[in-house]
Amino acid sequence: MKKIGLLSDTHGFLDDNVFRYFEECDEVWHAGDFGNKELVITLQQFKPLRGVFGNIDSQDVSALFPEINVFNCEEVKVMMKHIGGYPPKYNPETKKQILIEMPQLFVSGHSHILKIIYDEKLKCLHINPGAAGKQGWQKVRTLVRFAIDGSDIKNCEVIELGNR
């Protein structure tokens, strides 16, 4: 079983509470818009880090991460992309990639809107953890914590970090 700490859209701000909430996690996943390379390094020193670059990330960050990250965690195929949309309103490029990859878990960021939706048609769970940073229009900064146990995605928790 792997415990995952998921965040997105930090925009260069990393709340100290992230370390407390993700202490028991095995990996941290970031769905893009890190904001700067120092934030990436801080997360890498804390836990193993997976991610994708976002539309505000500079070249020094985008050189470290792909635009689309497809990988297996336990027995779950994961696809992560910063700008992806959500069920059933994926952007066309993302929908095409989802149909090719057929992940069981699709993770995106960008919208700053926390959404956890199961796409019955594609048999795929979509998670957007909202925004953990202080930039943007969201009122509350959020994280998501969950576990992958074999082929099961379970124990999903939404964590509020406080007002933007």
C-alpha atoms as a PDB file:
ATOM      1  CA  MET A   1       0.000   0.000   0.000  1.00  0.00           C
ATOM      2  CA  LYS A   2       1.204   3.497  -0.863  1.00  0.00           C
ATOM      3  CA  LYS A   3      -0.027   6.638   0.854  1.00  0.00           C
ATOM      4  CA  ILE A   4      -0.088   9.641  -1.456  1.00  0.00           C
ATOM      5  CA  GLY A   5      -0.076  13.349  -0.667  1.00  0.00           C
ATOM      6  CA  LEU A   6      -1.462  15.322  -3.627  1.00  0.00           C
ATOM      7  CA  LEU A   7      -1.248  19.053  -4.218  1.00  0.00           C
ATOM      8  CA  SER A   8      -1.267  21.519  -7.076  1.00  0.00           C
ATOM      9  CA  ASP A   9      -0.996  25.188  -7.908  1.00  0.00           C
ATOM     10  CA  THR A  10       1.368  26.207  -5.141  1.00  0.00           C
ATOM     11  CA  HIS A  11       2.584  29.142  -7.259  1.00  0.00           C
ATOM     12  CA  GLY A  12       5.777  29.410  -5.202  1.00  0.00           C
ATOM     13  CA  PHE A  13       4.108  29.219  -1.775  1.00  0.00           C
ATOM     14  CA  LEU A  14       4.475  26.077   0.344  1.00  0.00           C
ATOM     15  CA  ASP A  15       2.491  26.059   3.572  1.00  0.00           C
ATOM     16  CA  ASP A  16       4.477  24.484   6.437  1.00  0.00           C
ATOM     17  CA  ASN A  17       1.415  22.379   7.287  1.00  0.00           C
ATOM     18  CA  VAL A  18       1.979  20.365   4.092  1.00  0.00           C
ATOM     19  CA  PHE A  19       4.836  18.582   5.872  1.00  0.00           C
ATOM     20  CA  ARG A  20       2.641  17.694   8.835  1.00  0.00           C
ATOM     21  CA  TYR A  21      -0.273  16.468   6.714  1.00  0.00           C
ATOM     22  CA  PHE A  22       1.996  14.487   4.375  1.00  0.00           C
ATOM     23  CA  GLU A  23       4.307  13.085   7.078  1.00  0.00           C
ATOM     24  CA  GLU A  24       2.784   9.588   6.838  1.00  0.00           C
ATOM     25  CA  CYS A  25       2.714   9.644   3.021  1.00  0.00           C
ATOM     26  CA  ASP A  26       5.096   7.537   0.956  1.00  0.00           C
ATOM     27  CA  GLU A  27       5.091   9.906  -2.024  1.00  0.00           C
ATOM     28  CA  VAL A  28       4.077  13.467  -2.855  1.00  0.00           C
ATOM     29  CA  TRP A  29       2.456  14.197  -6.206  1.00  0.00           C
ATOM     30  CA  HIS A  30       2.230  17.746  -7.578  1.00  0.00           C
ATOM     31  CA  ALA A  31      -0.133  18.460 -10.488  1.00  0.00           C
ATOM     32  CA  GLY A  32       1.723  21.509 -11.793  1.00  0.00           C
ATOM     33  CA  ASP A  33       2.265  25.221 -11.266  1.00  0.00           C
ATOM     34  CA  PHE A  34       5.004  24.672  -8.690  1.00  0.00           C
ATOM     35  CA  GLY A  35       6.045  28.302  -9.078  1.00  0.00           C
ATOM     36  CA  ASN A  36       9.798  27.910  -8.618  1.00  0.00           C
ATOM     37  CA  LYS A  37      12.591  25.372  -8.501  1.00  0.00           C
ATOM     38  CA  GLU A  38      13.253  25.943  -4.778  1.00  0.00           C
ATOM     39  CA  LEU A  39       9.779  24.623  -3.969  1.00  0.00           C
ATOM     40  CA  VAL A  40      10.498  21.528  -6.087  1.00  0.00           C
ATOM     41  CA  ILE A  41      13.774  20.931  -4.240  1.00  0.00           C
ATOM     42  CA  THR A  42      12.083  21.334  -0.849  1.00  0.00           C
ATOM     43  CA  LEU A  43       9.452  18.724  -1.741  1.00  0.00           C
ATOM     44  CA  GLN A  44      12.087  16.363  -3.194  1.00  0.00           C
ATOM     45  CA  GLN A  45      14.067  16.546   0.042  1.00  0.00           C
ATOM     46  CA  PHE A  46      10.918  15.720   2.015  1.00  0.00           C
ATOM     47  CA  LYS A  47       9.503  12.726   0.093  1.00  0.00           C
ATOM     48  CA  PRO A  48       9.788  11.059  -3.318  1.00  0.00           C
ATOM     49  CA  LEU A  49       8.118  13.501  -5.733  1.00  0.00           C
ATOM     50  CA  ARG A  50       6.160  12.905  -8.926  1.00  0.00           C
ATOM     51  CA  GLY A  51       4.721  15.732 -10.959  1.00  0.00           C
ATOM     52  CA  VAL A  52       4.040  17.599 -14.155  1.00  0.00           C
ATOM     53  CA  PHE A  53       4.910  21.131 -15.098  1.00  0.00           C
ATOM     54  CA  GLY A  54       2.199  23.754 -15.228  1.00  0.00           C
ATOM     55  CA  ASN A  55       1.505  26.728 -17.433  1.00  0.00           C
ATOM     56  CA  ILE A  56       3.201  29.223 -15.064  1.00  0.00           C
ATOM     57  CA  ASP A  57       6.304  27.122 -14.442  1.00  0.00           C
ATOM     58  CA  SER A  58       9.583  28.467 -15.766  1.00  0.00           C
ATOM     59  CA  GLN A  59      11.994  26.490 -17.914  1.00  0.00           C
ATOM     60  CA  ASP A  60      14.068  25.389 -14.903  1.00  0.00           C
ATOM     61  CA  VAL A  61      10.963  23.664 -13.488  1.00  0.00           C
ATOM     62  CA  SER A  62       9.560  22.384 -16.785  1.00  0.00           C
ATOM     63  CA  ALA A  63      12.940  20.767 -17.518  1.00  0.00           C
ATOM     64  CA  LEU A  64      12.415  18.549 -14.448  1.00  0.00           C
ATOM     65  CA  PHE A  65       8.903  17.272 -15.211  1.00  0.00           C
ATOM     66  CA  PRO A  66       6.919  16.139 -18.253  1.00  0.00           C
ATOM     67  CA  GLU A  67       3.710  17.737 -19.508  1.00  0.00           C
ATOM     68  CA  ILE A  68       1.954  14.374 -19.133  1.00  0.00           C
ATOM     69  CA  ASN A  69       3.139  11.832 -16.590  1.00  0.00           C
ATOM     70  CA  VAL A  70       1.845   8.272 -16.993  1.00  0.00           C
ATOM     71  CA  PHE A  71       3.002   5.740 -14.415  1.00  0.00           C
ATOM     72  CA  ASN A  72       1.861   2.823 -12.291  1.00  0.00           C
ATOM     73  CA  CYS A  73       1.407   3.055  -8.553  1.00  0.00           C
ATOM     74  CA  GLU A  74       0.801  -0.383  -7.109  1.00  0.00           C
ATOM     75  CA  GLU A  75      -1.661  -1.860  -9.658  1.00  0.00           C
ATOM     76  CA  VAL A  76      -3.228   1.481 -10.646  1.00  0.00           C
ATOM     77  CA  LYS A  77      -2.326   3.207 -13.903  1.00  0.00           C
ATOM     78  CA  VAL A  78      -2.100   6.951 -13.262  1.00  0.00           C
ATOM     79  CA  MET A  79      -2.132   9.810 -15.754  1.00  0.00           C
ATOM     80  CA  MET A  80      -1.269  13.299 -14.550  1.00  0.00           C
ATOM     81  CA  LYS A  81      -1.552  16.519 -16.577  1.00  0.00           C
ATOM     82  CA  HIS A  82      -1.796  20.097 -15.323  1.00  0.00           C
ATOM     83  CA  ILE A  83      -4.522  21.333 -17.694  1.00  0.00           C
ATOM     84  CA  GLY A  84      -6.945  18.516 -18.317  1.00  0.00           C
ATOM     85  CA  GLY A  85     -10.506  19.412 -17.521  1.00  0.00           C
ATOM     86  CA  TYR A  86     -12.737  16.977 -15.659  1.00  0.00           C
ATOM     87  CA  PRO A  87     -15.419  14.370 -16.393  1.00  0.00           C
ATOM     88  CA  PRO A  88     -17.092  14.687 -18.828  1.00  0.00           C
ATOM     89  CA  LYS A  89     -15.580  18.065 -19.805  1.00  0.00           C
ATOM     90  CA  TYR A  90     -11.988  17.061 -20.530  1.00  0.00           C
ATOM     91  CA  ASN A  91     -10.155  19.264 -22.978  1.00  0.00           C
ATOM     92  CA  PRO A  92      -9.923  17.536 -26.393  1.00  0.00           C
ATOM     93  CA  GLU A  93      -6.180  16.780 -26.204  1.00  0.00           C
ATOM     94  CA  THR A  94      -6.549  15.293 -22.720  1.00  0.00           C
ATOM     95  CA  LYS A  95      -9.562  13.165 -23.658  1.00  0.00           C
ATOM     96  CA  LYS A  96      -7.618  11.754 -26.593  1.00  0.00           C
ATOM     97  CA  GLN A  97      -4.696  10.880 -24.289  1.00  0.00           C
ATOM     98  CA  ILE A  98      -7.012   9.334 -21.672  1.00  0.00           C
ATOM     99  CA  LEU A  99      -8.561   7.126 -24.366  1.00  0.00           C
ATOM    100  CA  ILE A 100      -5.085   6.001 -25.446  1.00  0.00           C
ATOM    101  CA  GLU A 101      -3.698   5.410 -21.940  1.00  0.00           C
ATOM    102  CA  MET A 102      -6.908   4.218 -20.208  1.00  0.00           C
ATOM    103  CA  PRO A 103      -5.748   5.153 -16.673  1.00  0.00           C
ATOM    104  CA  GLN A 104      -7.695   4.188 -13.578  1.00  0.00           C
ATOM    105  CA  LEU A 105      -6.711   7.526 -12.002  1.00  0.00           C
ATOM    106  CA  PHE A 106      -6.462  10.888 -13.774  1.00  0.00           C
ATOM    107  CA  VAL A 107      -4.939  13.781 -11.804  1.00  0.00           C
ATOM    108  CA  SER A 108      -5.037  17.403 -12.921  1.00  0.00           C
ATOM    109  CA  GLY A 109      -4.680  20.884 -11.512  1.00  0.00           C
ATOM    110  CA  HIS A 110      -4.934  24.363 -13.060  1.00  0.00           C
ATOM    111  CA  SER A 111      -8.553  25.271 -12.245  1.00  0.00           C
ATOM    112  CA  HIS A 112      -7.917  25.802  -8.499  1.00  0.00           C
ATOM    113  CA  ILE A 113     -11.218  23.943  -8.043  1.00  0.00           C
ATOM    114  CA  LEU A 114     -11.145  20.858  -5.832  1.00  0.00           C
ATOM    115  CA  LYS A 115     -12.941  18.017  -7.616  1.00  0.00           C
ATOM    116  CA  ILE A 116     -13.041  14.297  -7.021  1.00  0.00           C
ATOM    117  CA  ILE A 117     -15.269  12.651  -9.615  1.00  0.00           C
ATOM    118  CA  TYR A 118     -15.570   9.082 -10.822  1.00  0.00           C
ATOM    119  CA  ASP A 119     -16.007   8.880 -14.605  1.00  0.00           C
ATOM    120  CA  GLU A 120     -18.290   5.863 -14.948  1.00  0.00           C
ATOM    121  CA  LYS A 121     -18.001   5.828 -18.737  1.00  0.00           C
ATOM    122  CA  LEU A 122     -14.182   5.639 -18.704  1.00  0.00           C
ATOM    123  CA  LYS A 123     -13.918   3.720 -15.396  1.00  0.00           C
ATOM    124  CA  CYS A 124     -11.501   6.364 -14.156  1.00  0.00           C
ATOM    125  CA  LEU A 125     -11.309   8.406 -10.960  1.00  0.00           C
ATOM    126  CA  HIS A 126     -10.470  12.071 -11.517  1.00  0.00           C
ATOM    127  CA  ILE A 127      -8.823  14.092  -8.744  1.00  0.00           C
ATOM    128  CA  ASN A 128      -8.018  17.785  -8.843  1.00  0.00           C
ATOM    129  CA  PRO A 129      -6.692  18.744  -5.393  1.00  0.00           C
ATOM    130  CA  GLY A 130      -7.545  22.425  -5.822  1.00  0.00           C
ATOM    131  CA  ALA A 131      -4.867  25.004  -5.090  1.00  0.00           C
ATOM    132  CA  ALA A 132      -2.434  24.851  -2.172  1.00  0.00           C
ATOM    133  CA  GLY A 133      -0.923  28.263  -2.904  1.00  0.00           C
ATOM    134  CA  LYS A 134      -2.048  31.804  -2.185  1.00  0.00           C
ATOM    135  CA  GLN A 135      -2.374  32.975  -5.798  1.00  0.00           C
ATOM    136  CA  GLY A 136      -5.670  32.649  -7.627  1.00  0.00           C
ATOM    137  CA  TRP A 137      -9.309  33.114  -6.902  1.00  0.00           C
ATOM    138  CA  GLN A 138      -9.930  30.117  -4.618  1.00  0.00           C
ATOM    139  CA  LYS A 139     -11.113  31.051  -1.147  1.00  0.00           C
ATOM    140  CA  VAL A 140      -9.626  28.041   0.690  1.00  0.00           C
ATOM    141  CA  ARG A 141      -6.289  26.331   0.030  1.00  0.00           C
ATOM    142  CA  THR A 142      -6.619  22.545  -0.244  1.00  0.00           C
ATOM    143  CA  LEU A 143      -4.689  19.262  -0.428  1.00  0.00           C
ATOM    144  CA  VAL A 144      -5.786  15.669  -0.947  1.00  0.00           C
ATOM    145  CA  ARG A 145      -4.420  12.601   0.788  1.00  0.00           C
ATOM    146  CA  PHE A 146      -5.302   9.040  -0.244  1.00  0.00           C
ATOM    147  CA  ALA A 147      -3.976   5.494  -0.470  1.00  0.00           C
ATOM    148  CA  ILE A 148      -3.477   3.056  -3.306  1.00  0.00           C
ATOM    149  CA  ASP A 149      -3.637  -0.539  -2.139  1.00  0.00           C
ATOM    150  CA  GLY A 150      -3.170  -2.936  -5.033  1.00  0.00           C
ATOM    151  CA  SER A 151      -5.868  -1.900  -7.482  1.00  0.00           C
ATOM    152  CA  ASP A 152      -7.925  -0.001  -4.872  1.00  0.00           C
ATOM    153  CA  ILE A 153      -7.867   3.771  -4.454  1.00  0.00           C
ATOM    154  CA  LYS A 154      -9.129   4.429  -0.957  1.00  0.00           C
ATOM    155  CA  ASN A 155      -9.119   6.553   2.210  1.00  0.00           C
ATOM    156  CA  CYS A 156      -9.393   9.803   0.273  1.00  0.00           C
ATOM    157  CA  GLU A 157      -9.233  12.856   2.525  1.00  0.00           C
ATOM    158  CA  VAL A 158      -9.639  16.526   1.641  1.00  0.00           C
ATOM    159  CA  ILE A 159      -7.480  18.785   3.773  1.00  0.00           C
ATOM    160  CA  GLU A 160      -8.135  22.512   4.124  1.00  0.00           C
ATOM    161  CA  LEU A 161      -5.075  24.640   4.765  1.00  0.00           C
ATOM    162  CA  GLY A 162      -7.015  27.800   5.495  1.00  0.00           C
ATOM    163  CA  ASN A 163      -8.028  30.877   3.579  1.00  0.00           C
ATOM    164  CA  ARG A 164      -6.032  32.149   0.664  1.00  0.00           C
END
